[in-house]
N, C-alpha and C. Protein backbone atom coordinates (compact mmCIF):
# COMPACT_ATOMS: atom_id res chain seq x y z
N MET A 1 113.02 291.92 109.53
CA MET A 1 111.67 291.49 109.85
C MET A 1 110.76 292.70 110.04
N ARG A 2 110.83 293.58 109.13
CA ARG A 2 109.95 294.74 109.19
C ARG A 2 108.77 294.51 108.28
N GLU A 3 107.64 295.00 108.68
CA GLU A 3 106.45 294.92 107.85
C GLU A 3 106.16 296.29 107.27
N GLU A 4 105.98 296.34 105.97
CA GLU A 4 105.59 297.57 105.30
C GLU A 4 106.50 298.74 105.64
N GLY A 5 107.80 298.48 105.76
CA GLY A 5 108.75 299.55 106.01
C GLY A 5 108.76 300.10 107.42
N ARG A 6 108.01 299.51 108.32
CA ARG A 6 107.93 299.99 109.70
C ARG A 6 109.10 299.43 110.51
N GLU A 7 109.75 300.30 111.26
CA GLU A 7 110.84 299.86 112.13
C GLU A 7 110.26 299.11 113.34
N LEU A 8 111.01 298.14 113.82
CA LEU A 8 110.58 297.40 115.00
C LEU A 8 110.81 298.23 116.26
N SER A 9 109.89 298.11 117.19
CA SER A 9 110.04 298.80 118.47
C SER A 9 111.07 298.07 119.32
N SER A 10 111.52 298.69 120.39
CA SER A 10 112.48 298.04 121.28
C SER A 10 111.86 296.79 121.92
N PHE A 11 110.58 296.84 122.22
CA PHE A 11 109.89 295.67 122.77
C PHE A 11 109.90 294.52 121.75
N GLU A 12 109.60 294.82 120.49
CA GLU A 12 109.60 293.79 119.45
C GLU A 12 111.00 293.20 119.26
N MET A 13 112.01 294.05 119.33
CA MET A 13 113.39 293.56 119.19
C MET A 13 113.75 292.63 120.35
N ARG A 14 113.35 292.98 121.57
CA ARG A 14 113.62 292.11 122.72
C ARG A 14 112.91 290.78 122.56
N GLU A 15 111.66 290.81 122.09
CA GLU A 15 110.90 289.57 121.89
C GLU A 15 111.55 288.70 120.82
N LEU A 16 112.02 289.31 119.74
CA LEU A 16 112.71 288.55 118.70
C LEU A 16 114.01 287.94 119.23
N ASP A 17 114.74 288.69 120.04
CA ASP A 17 115.96 288.17 120.64
C ASP A 17 115.66 286.99 121.56
N THR A 18 114.59 287.09 122.33
CA THR A 18 114.19 286.00 123.22
C THR A 18 113.81 284.76 122.42
N ALA A 19 113.03 284.96 121.36
CA ALA A 19 112.62 283.84 120.51
C ALA A 19 113.82 283.21 119.82
N SER A 20 114.74 284.04 119.36
CA SER A 20 115.95 283.55 118.71
C SER A 20 116.78 282.68 119.66
N ALA A 21 116.95 283.14 120.87
CA ALA A 21 117.70 282.37 121.86
C ALA A 21 117.01 281.04 122.16
N ALA A 22 115.68 281.04 122.24
CA ALA A 22 114.94 279.81 122.49
C ALA A 22 115.12 278.83 121.33
N LEU A 23 115.06 279.32 120.11
CA LEU A 23 115.28 278.44 118.95
C LEU A 23 116.67 277.83 118.98
N ASP A 24 117.66 278.63 119.30
CA ASP A 24 119.03 278.14 119.34
C ASP A 24 119.27 277.13 120.47
N ARG A 25 118.48 277.21 121.53
CA ARG A 25 118.58 276.20 122.59
C ARG A 25 118.03 274.86 122.12
N VAL A 26 117.03 274.90 121.25
CA VAL A 26 116.43 273.68 120.73
C VAL A 26 117.37 273.02 119.72
N ARG A 27 117.94 273.82 118.84
CA ARG A 27 118.85 273.31 117.82
C ARG A 27 119.88 274.38 117.49
N SER A 28 121.11 274.02 117.45
CA SER A 28 122.18 274.96 117.16
C SER A 28 121.93 275.67 115.83
N HIS A 29 122.01 276.99 115.83
CA HIS A 29 121.85 277.84 114.65
C HIS A 29 120.43 277.83 114.06
N ALA A 30 119.45 277.39 114.83
CA ALA A 30 118.07 277.32 114.32
C ALA A 30 117.53 278.70 113.97
N ALA A 31 117.85 279.71 114.76
CA ALA A 31 117.36 281.06 114.47
C ALA A 31 117.94 281.58 113.16
N GLU A 32 119.21 281.32 112.92
CA GLU A 32 119.83 281.74 111.66
C GLU A 32 119.20 280.99 110.49
N ASP A 33 118.96 279.68 110.63
CA ASP A 33 118.32 278.91 109.57
C ASP A 33 116.95 279.49 109.24
N LEU A 34 116.18 279.80 110.26
CA LEU A 34 114.85 280.36 110.04
C LEU A 34 114.92 281.71 109.33
N ARG A 35 115.86 282.57 109.74
CA ARG A 35 116.01 283.87 109.09
C ARG A 35 116.35 283.70 107.61
N ILE A 36 117.24 282.77 107.30
CA ILE A 36 117.63 282.53 105.90
C ILE A 36 116.43 282.07 105.09
N VAL A 37 115.68 281.12 105.63
CA VAL A 37 114.51 280.61 104.90
C VAL A 37 113.50 281.72 104.66
N LEU A 38 113.22 282.52 105.68
CA LEU A 38 112.23 283.59 105.53
C LEU A 38 112.69 284.65 104.53
N ASP A 39 114.00 284.90 104.46
CA ASP A 39 114.52 285.86 103.49
C ASP A 39 114.45 285.35 102.07
N ARG A 40 114.60 284.06 101.87
CA ARG A 40 114.73 283.48 100.52
C ARG A 40 113.46 282.93 99.92
N SER A 41 112.57 282.45 100.74
CA SER A 41 111.51 281.60 100.22
C SER A 41 110.12 282.22 100.32
N PRO A 42 109.36 282.14 99.24
CA PRO A 42 107.96 282.58 99.31
C PRO A 42 107.10 281.58 100.08
N ASP A 43 107.57 280.36 100.23
CA ASP A 43 106.85 279.32 100.97
C ASP A 43 107.81 278.70 102.00
N PRO A 44 108.05 279.40 103.11
CA PRO A 44 109.07 278.95 104.06
C PRO A 44 108.79 277.60 104.70
N VAL A 45 107.54 277.24 104.87
CA VAL A 45 107.24 275.95 105.50
C VAL A 45 107.73 274.81 104.62
N ARG A 46 107.47 274.89 103.33
CA ARG A 46 107.92 273.85 102.42
C ARG A 46 109.46 273.79 102.40
N SER A 47 110.12 274.94 102.42
CA SER A 47 111.58 274.96 102.42
C SER A 47 112.15 274.32 103.67
N LEU A 48 111.55 274.60 104.82
CA LEU A 48 112.03 274.00 106.07
C LEU A 48 111.82 272.50 106.09
N GLU A 49 110.70 272.04 105.54
CA GLU A 49 110.42 270.61 105.51
C GLU A 49 111.43 269.87 104.65
N GLN A 50 111.92 270.51 103.60
CA GLN A 50 112.81 269.86 102.65
C GLN A 50 114.29 270.02 103.00
N ALA A 51 114.63 270.92 103.90
CA ALA A 51 116.03 271.19 104.22
C ALA A 51 116.55 270.23 105.28
N ALA A 52 117.77 269.77 105.08
CA ALA A 52 118.44 268.96 106.09
C ALA A 52 119.03 269.89 107.16
N PRO A 53 119.15 269.44 108.40
CA PRO A 53 119.74 270.29 109.44
C PRO A 53 121.12 270.80 109.02
N GLY A 54 121.32 272.10 109.14
CA GLY A 54 122.59 272.71 108.80
C GLY A 54 122.77 273.02 107.32
N GLU A 55 121.90 272.52 106.48
CA GLU A 55 122.02 272.72 105.03
C GLU A 55 121.90 274.18 104.65
N LEU A 56 121.05 274.93 105.31
CA LEU A 56 120.79 276.31 104.93
C LEU A 56 121.98 277.22 105.17
N ARG A 57 122.79 276.93 106.18
CA ARG A 57 123.94 277.78 106.47
C ARG A 57 125.07 277.62 105.46
N GLN A 58 125.03 276.60 104.65
CA GLN A 58 126.13 276.31 103.72
C GLN A 58 126.15 277.22 102.52
N VAL A 59 125.15 278.01 102.31
CA VAL A 59 125.08 278.89 101.14
C VAL A 59 125.81 280.16 101.39
């Protein structure tokens, strides 16, 4: 999750870890699903709308 080749600061890493943990509390493996979608898709919102829960981890 770097922008323009910039490394994330320790503060940004802590915030991402906090957000990841919050997502996983809402739904098991939600943070991993989101990371996969963002890595693969030019239109992540459409991909998330069309994916069944757990479908993204199967690849």
